[in-house]
Amino acid sequence: MARQSPQRPDSDEPELDDSAASGTAAASAEATRALWAELRIDPVEIALPAGTGYTLRAYRPARELTPTDVEERDQDDPFLARRQVVTEEEDEEVVILDEEVAQEFKESDEEERGTRGDSGDEAEAASADSTDDAGDEEVPVFLSHKGRLLLFKTAESLVSFVRSGAPNDLSQLDSWGELSERVEPTDVTPLDEDTYELDLVVENLRGGHDAWDSTLLIEAGEIARDLSYALRVPAVLDMLSAGSSLDDLDEALRAAANGGIGGFRGRRRLKKIGAQTASLGWRTIVGKISAVVDWRD
């Protein structure tokens, strides 16, 4: 019996095999990454206890950025406003003392300059160079406005906002105008390293040393530092500053993840860090970050 020919599909459109479809998807992903790389802005996905949302982040030299304005945000917090009044009163007293000390230092410094010649000029030059270096350091800036992070529950709503021309802190970038013209919802696909799960951190720490997820916790520290800097949340910056218990946790996790002798020492350091203390600290951090989020549907 002669073998029958396979039936052709009714549609006249050619079917794409799996390899062709895969190639198309890869080309699309490559084009998306090229867009973000060209404009030096990246989509970011952040999960918080209240939900998961998309935003944008960029890194630029500090001298090129105008920090977000937090005055309106801080006035909305009566507790923060009360603390600011106390701080300002204390600062006024300290300023008087500082002026007296500064005058004494100035007089002694002038006397010292008379004996050391040009070394004072060299010190001033070194100080100026240090200031210039700080201005050249790349710092994070997010899709935020008046001290609040804008988080969008869908890629479509994020793109709609970008195209709207609404004021935000990223609009000061020279590539913002081009992004608003070119970006599509399908472009909002954050890389794995730009996806953060802050909602899981506290629960993971409560599970004890053996359950700690180093990747989760290290990435949480990175995004928390970026957000606290860009959104001007000094309390979180202090909690994660060098020498703090949470910074020690971060360093120990990194050492343990690297393996080798350093990894062994890192694991020993982790055993000395209290799970309850770490979880309470991170609960505070997640709470403070959540408090400065503006959710957009």
Protein backbone atom coordinates (compact mmCIF):
# COMPACT_ATOMS: atom_id res chain seq x y z
CA MET A 1 0.00 0.00 0.00
CA ALA A 2 1.32 3.37 -0.94
CA ARG A 3 2.10 5.62 1.99
CA GLN A 4 -0.22 8.62 2.16
CA SER A 5 1.27 12.09 2.17
CA PRO A 6 0.80 14.00 5.42
CA GLN A 7 -2.06 16.46 5.34
CA ARG A 8 -1.16 20.10 4.98
CA PRO A 9 -2.58 22.55 7.49
CA ASP A 10 -5.54 24.58 6.28
CA SER A 11 -3.70 27.84 6.90
CA ASP A 12 -1.46 29.11 4.13
CA GLU A 13 0.88 30.72 6.71
CA PRO A 14 4.13 28.81 7.22
CA GLU A 15 4.63 27.22 10.61
CA LEU A 16 7.71 28.09 12.62
CA ASP A 17 9.56 25.15 14.07
CA ASP A 18 10.92 25.23 17.61
CA SER A 19 14.39 26.29 16.54
CA ALA A 20 13.05 29.23 14.53
CA ALA A 21 10.82 30.37 17.40
CA SER A 22 13.74 30.08 19.78
CA GLY A 23 15.91 32.14 17.46
CA THR A 24 13.25 34.84 17.23
CA ALA A 25 12.93 35.02 21.01
CA ALA A 26 16.71 35.21 21.40
CA ALA A 27 16.93 38.04 18.86
CA SER A 28 14.18 39.93 20.66
CA ALA A 29 15.92 39.51 24.02
CA GLU A 30 19.20 40.66 22.52
CA ALA A 31 17.55 43.77 21.08
CA THR A 32 15.99 44.51 24.47
CA ARG A 33 19.32 44.26 26.26
CA ALA A 34 20.92 46.46 23.60
CA LEU A 35 18.31 49.15 24.32
CA TRP A 36 19.01 49.23 28.04
CA ALA A 37 22.78 49.03 27.54
CA GLU A 38 22.72 51.92 25.07
CA LEU A 39 20.67 54.18 27.34
CA ARG A 40 22.42 53.01 30.55
CA ILE A 41 19.16 52.45 32.39
CA ASP A 42 17.88 49.08 33.60
CA PRO A 43 14.48 47.66 34.56
CA VAL A 44 14.35 46.34 38.12
CA GLU A 45 11.85 44.06 39.84
CA ILE A 46 11.41 44.36 43.60
CA ALA A 47 9.25 42.14 45.79
CA LEU A 48 8.04 43.65 49.08
CA PRO A 49 5.51 42.37 51.63
CA ALA A 50 2.84 44.52 49.91
CA GLY A 51 3.52 43.05 46.47
CA THR A 52 5.91 42.95 43.52
CA GLY A 53 6.56 45.81 41.15
CA TYR A 54 8.76 47.13 38.38
CA THR A 55 10.88 50.27 38.44
CA LEU A 56 13.98 51.64 36.71
CA ARG A 57 17.51 52.26 37.98
CA ALA A 58 20.61 53.94 36.58
CA TYR A 59 24.11 54.72 37.80
CA ARG A 60 25.72 58.06 37.08
CA PRO A 61 28.57 60.17 38.54
CA ALA A 62 27.34 61.95 41.66
CA ARG A 63 28.25 65.36 40.23
CA GLU A 64 25.76 64.85 37.37
CA LEU A 65 22.74 64.15 39.59
CA THR A 66 20.38 66.32 41.58
CA PRO A 67 19.28 64.36 44.67
CA THR A 68 15.60 63.65 45.10
CA ASP A 69 13.68 66.25 47.10
CA VAL A 70 12.46 64.65 50.34
CA GLU A 71 11.05 67.75 52.02
CA GLU A 72 7.43 66.99 51.14
CA ARG A 73 7.81 63.30 52.04
CA ASP A 74 9.31 64.05 55.44
CA GLN A 75 6.64 66.63 56.24
CA ASP A 76 4.01 63.94 55.70
CA ASP A 77 5.56 61.93 58.55
CA PRO A 78 4.63 63.68 61.84
CA PHE A 79 7.05 61.52 63.83
CA LEU A 80 9.92 62.37 61.50
CA ALA A 81 9.00 66.04 61.54
CA ARG A 82 9.07 66.02 65.35
CA ARG A 83 12.50 64.37 65.35
CA GLN A 84 13.76 66.97 62.87
CA VAL A 85 12.76 69.81 65.20
CA VAL A 86 14.72 68.23 68.05
CA THR A 87 17.68 67.56 65.76
CA GLU A 88 17.71 71.12 64.49
CA GLU A 89 17.70 72.46 68.05
CA GLU A 90 20.57 70.17 68.97
CA ASP A 91 22.44 71.10 65.79
CA GLU A 92 22.21 74.81 66.65
CA GLU A 93 23.92 74.17 69.98
CA VAL A 94 26.57 72.04 68.33
CA VAL A 95 27.25 74.65 65.65
CA ILE A 96 28.24 77.19 68.32
CA LEU A 97 30.72 74.78 69.82
CA ASP A 98 31.97 73.76 66.39
CA GLU A 99 32.63 77.38 65.47
CA GLU A 100 34.73 77.88 68.58
CA VAL A 101 36.70 74.71 67.94
CA ALA A 102 37.07 75.60 64.25
CA GLN A 103 38.52 79.00 65.17
CA GLU A 104 41.07 77.42 67.50
CA PHE A 105 41.95 74.85 64.83
CA LYS A 106 42.34 77.61 62.24
CA GLU A 107 44.74 79.55 64.43
CA SER A 108 46.85 76.50 65.25
CA ASP A 109 46.77 75.41 61.60
CA GLU A 110 48.06 78.81 60.48
CA GLU A 111 50.92 78.56 62.97
CA GLU A 112 51.75 75.06 61.75
CA ARG A 113 51.76 76.18 58.13
CA GLY A 114 54.43 78.70 58.95
CA THR A 115 56.79 75.88 59.96
CA ARG A 116 55.96 73.27 57.34
CA GLY A 117 56.19 75.38 54.20
CA ASP A 118 54.37 74.07 51.14
CA SER A 119 53.12 70.88 52.80
CA GLY A 120 49.86 72.64 53.70
CA ASP A 121 49.23 73.42 50.04
CA GLU A 122 49.86 69.79 49.20
CA ALA A 123 47.31 68.71 51.82
CA GLU A 124 44.73 71.10 50.37
CA ALA A 125 45.40 69.75 46.89
CA ALA A 126 44.96 66.18 48.14
CA SER A 127 41.67 67.17 49.79
CA ALA A 128 40.48 68.75 46.54
CA ASP A 129 41.40 65.60 44.63
CA SER A 130 39.42 63.53 47.14
CA THR A 131 36.37 65.74 46.59
CA ASP A 132 36.73 65.39 42.83
CA ASP A 133 36.93 61.60 43.18
CA ALA A 134 33.72 61.60 45.22
CA GLY A 135 32.00 63.57 42.48
CA ASP A 136 33.16 61.06 39.89
CA GLU A 137 31.86 58.07 41.86
CA GLU A 138 28.84 56.47 40.21
CA VAL A 139 25.79 56.42 42.45
CA PRO A 140 22.29 54.98 41.97
CA VAL A 141 19.21 56.90 40.88
CA PHE A 142 15.76 55.32 40.55
CA LEU A 143 12.44 56.07 38.94
CA SER A 144 11.32 58.10 41.93
CA HIS A 145 9.73 61.43 42.77
CA LYS A 146 9.99 63.59 45.87
CA GLY A 147 11.74 60.90 47.86
CA ARG A 148 9.36 58.07 46.97
CA LEU A 149 10.16 55.04 44.83
CA LEU A 150 7.66 54.55 42.01
CA LEU A 151 6.77 50.85 41.74
CA PHE A 152 4.48 49.61 38.96
CA LYS A 153 2.58 46.35 39.16
CA THR A 154 2.67 45.82 35.39
CA ALA A 155 5.13 46.57 32.63
CA GLU A 156 2.34 48.33 30.73
CA SER A 157 1.71 50.81 33.55
CA LEU A 158 5.44 51.54 33.88
CA VAL A 159 5.79 52.25 30.16
CA SER A 160 2.65 54.39 30.21
CA PHE A 161 4.17 56.50 32.99
CA VAL A 162 7.50 56.84 31.19
CA ARG A 163 5.74 58.07 28.06
CA SER A 164 3.49 60.46 29.98
CA GLY A 165 6.16 63.05 30.66
CA ALA A 166 5.30 63.08 34.37
CA PRO A 167 8.04 64.52 36.62
CA ASN A 168 10.51 62.05 38.11
CA ASP A 169 14.16 61.85 39.16
CA LEU A 170 15.28 59.91 36.09
CA SER A 171 14.11 62.63 33.73
CA GLN A 172 17.34 64.53 34.44
CA LEU A 173 19.29 61.87 32.52
CA ASP A 174 20.31 62.75 28.97
CA SER A 175 18.99 59.41 27.71
CA TRP A 176 15.53 59.75 29.28
CA GLY A 177 13.89 61.38 26.27
CA GLU A 178 15.03 58.63 23.95
CA LEU A 179 13.83 55.94 26.37
CA SER A 180 10.37 57.49 26.53
CA GLU A 181 10.15 57.27 22.73
CA ARG A 182 11.51 53.75 22.27
CA VAL A 183 10.53 51.63 25.28
CA GLU A 184 7.78 49.01 24.93
CA PRO A 185 6.17 46.83 27.62
CA THR A 186 7.97 43.77 26.21
CA ASP A 187 11.28 45.51 26.98
CA VAL A 188 10.57 45.51 30.72
CA THR A 189 12.23 42.16 31.45
CA PRO A 190 14.69 42.53 34.35
CA LEU A 191 17.75 40.30 34.44
CA ASP A 192 18.09 37.83 37.30
CA GLU A 193 20.66 40.09 38.98
CA ASP A 194 18.14 42.96 38.83
CA THR A 195 15.40 41.00 40.58
CA TYR A 196 15.20 41.35 44.36
CA GLU A 197 13.04 39.50 46.88
CA LEU A 198 12.97 41.68 49.96
CA ASP A 199 9.75 40.00 51.02
CA LEU A 200 11.63 36.75 51.77
CA VAL A 201 14.57 38.14 53.73
CA VAL A 202 13.12 38.26 57.25
CA GLU A 203 11.58 34.78 57.01
CA ASN A 204 14.82 33.35 55.67
CA LEU A 205 16.84 34.83 58.54
CA ARG A 206 14.37 33.46 61.07
CA GLY A 207 15.03 29.97 59.74
CA GLY A 208 18.45 29.88 61.37
CA HIS A 209 22.03 29.78 60.09
CA ASP A 210 21.67 26.52 58.15
CA ALA A 211 18.72 27.89 56.16
CA TRP A 212 20.25 31.23 55.24
CA ASP A 213 20.25 31.90 51.49
CA SER A 214 23.46 33.83 50.79
CA THR A 215 22.40 34.97 47.31
CA LEU A 216 19.04 36.26 48.57
CA LEU A 217 20.59 38.12 51.49
CA ILE A 218 23.55 39.58 49.60
CA GLU A 219 21.32 40.90 46.82
CA ALA A 220 18.92 42.31 49.42
CA GLY A 221 21.79 44.26 50.94
CA GLU A 222 22.77 45.64 47.54
CA ILE A 223 19.31 46.93 46.65
CA ALA A 224 18.69 48.25 50.18
CA ARG A 225 21.90 50.29 50.02
CA ASP A 226 21.02 51.63 46.57
CA LEU A 227 17.48 52.57 47.60
CA SER A 228 18.48 54.16 50.91
CA TYR A 229 21.10 56.27 49.13
CA ALA A 230 18.94 57.33 46.19
CA LEU A 231 15.81 57.95 48.30
CA ARG A 232 17.76 59.56 51.14
CA VAL A 233 16.84 57.22 53.97
CA PRO A 234 19.78 57.72 56.37
CA ALA A 235 18.46 55.30 58.98
CA VAL A 236 18.85 52.38 56.57
CA LEU A 237 22.25 53.58 55.41
CA ASP A 238 23.40 53.64 59.03
CA MET A 239 22.10 50.13 59.68
CA LEU A 240 24.08 48.82 56.69
CA SER A 241 27.16 51.00 57.13
CA ALA A 242 30.65 49.58 57.52
CA GLY A 243 31.17 48.03 60.93
CA SER A 244 27.47 47.49 61.65
CA SER A 245 26.18 44.05 62.60
CA LEU A 246 24.27 43.74 59.31
CA ASP A 247 27.37 44.73 57.36
CA ASP A 248 29.27 42.01 59.24
CA LEU A 249 26.55 39.59 58.18
CA ASP A 250 26.93 40.68 54.57
CA GLU A 251 30.72 40.25 54.61
CA ALA A 252 30.48 36.83 56.24
CA LEU A 253 27.92 35.68 53.67
CA ARG A 254 30.15 36.83 50.82
CA ALA A 255 33.18 35.08 52.31
CA ALA A 256 31.21 31.87 52.83
CA ALA A 257 29.88 32.00 49.27
CA ASN A 258 33.41 32.36 47.85
CA GLY A 259 34.52 29.07 49.40
CA GLY A 260 38.07 28.05 50.28
CA ILE A 261 39.73 29.06 53.52
CA GLY A 262 37.94 32.40 53.40
CA GLY A 263 34.67 30.51 53.06
CA PHE A 264 35.45 28.44 56.15
CA ARG A 265 36.15 31.58 58.14
CA GLY A 266 33.02 33.19 56.77
CA ARG A 267 30.90 30.27 57.95
CA ARG A 268 32.46 30.50 61.40
CA ARG A 269 31.63 34.21 61.52
CA LEU A 270 28.05 33.48 60.51
CA LYS A 271 27.63 31.15 63.48
CA LYS A 272 28.39 34.06 65.79
CA ILE A 273 25.68 36.30 64.32
CA GLY A 274 22.36 36.06 66.08
CA ALA A 275 19.50 35.05 63.82
CA GLN A 276 16.99 37.00 65.88
CA THR A 277 19.07 40.18 65.83
CA ALA A 278 19.59 39.91 62.07
CA SER A 279 15.92 39.27 61.36
CA LEU A 280 14.79 42.17 63.56
CA GLY A 281 17.25 44.49 61.85
CA TRP A 282 16.10 43.48 58.39
CA ARG A 283 12.46 43.75 59.37
CA THR A 284 13.16 47.39 60.22
CA ILE A 285 14.94 47.95 56.91
CA VAL A 286 12.16 46.41 54.83
CA GLY A 287 9.61 48.44 56.76
CA LYS A 288 11.44 51.72 56.17
CA ILE A 289 11.85 51.00 52.46
CA SER A 290 8.18 50.02 52.16
CA ALA A 291 7.22 53.31 53.80
CA VAL A 292 8.78 55.33 50.95
CA VAL A 293 7.21 53.35 48.08
CA ASP A 294 4.52 54.87 45.87
CA TRP A 295 2.63 51.95 44.30
CA ARG A 296 1.26 52.54 40.83
CA ASP A 297 -1.20 50.15 39.11
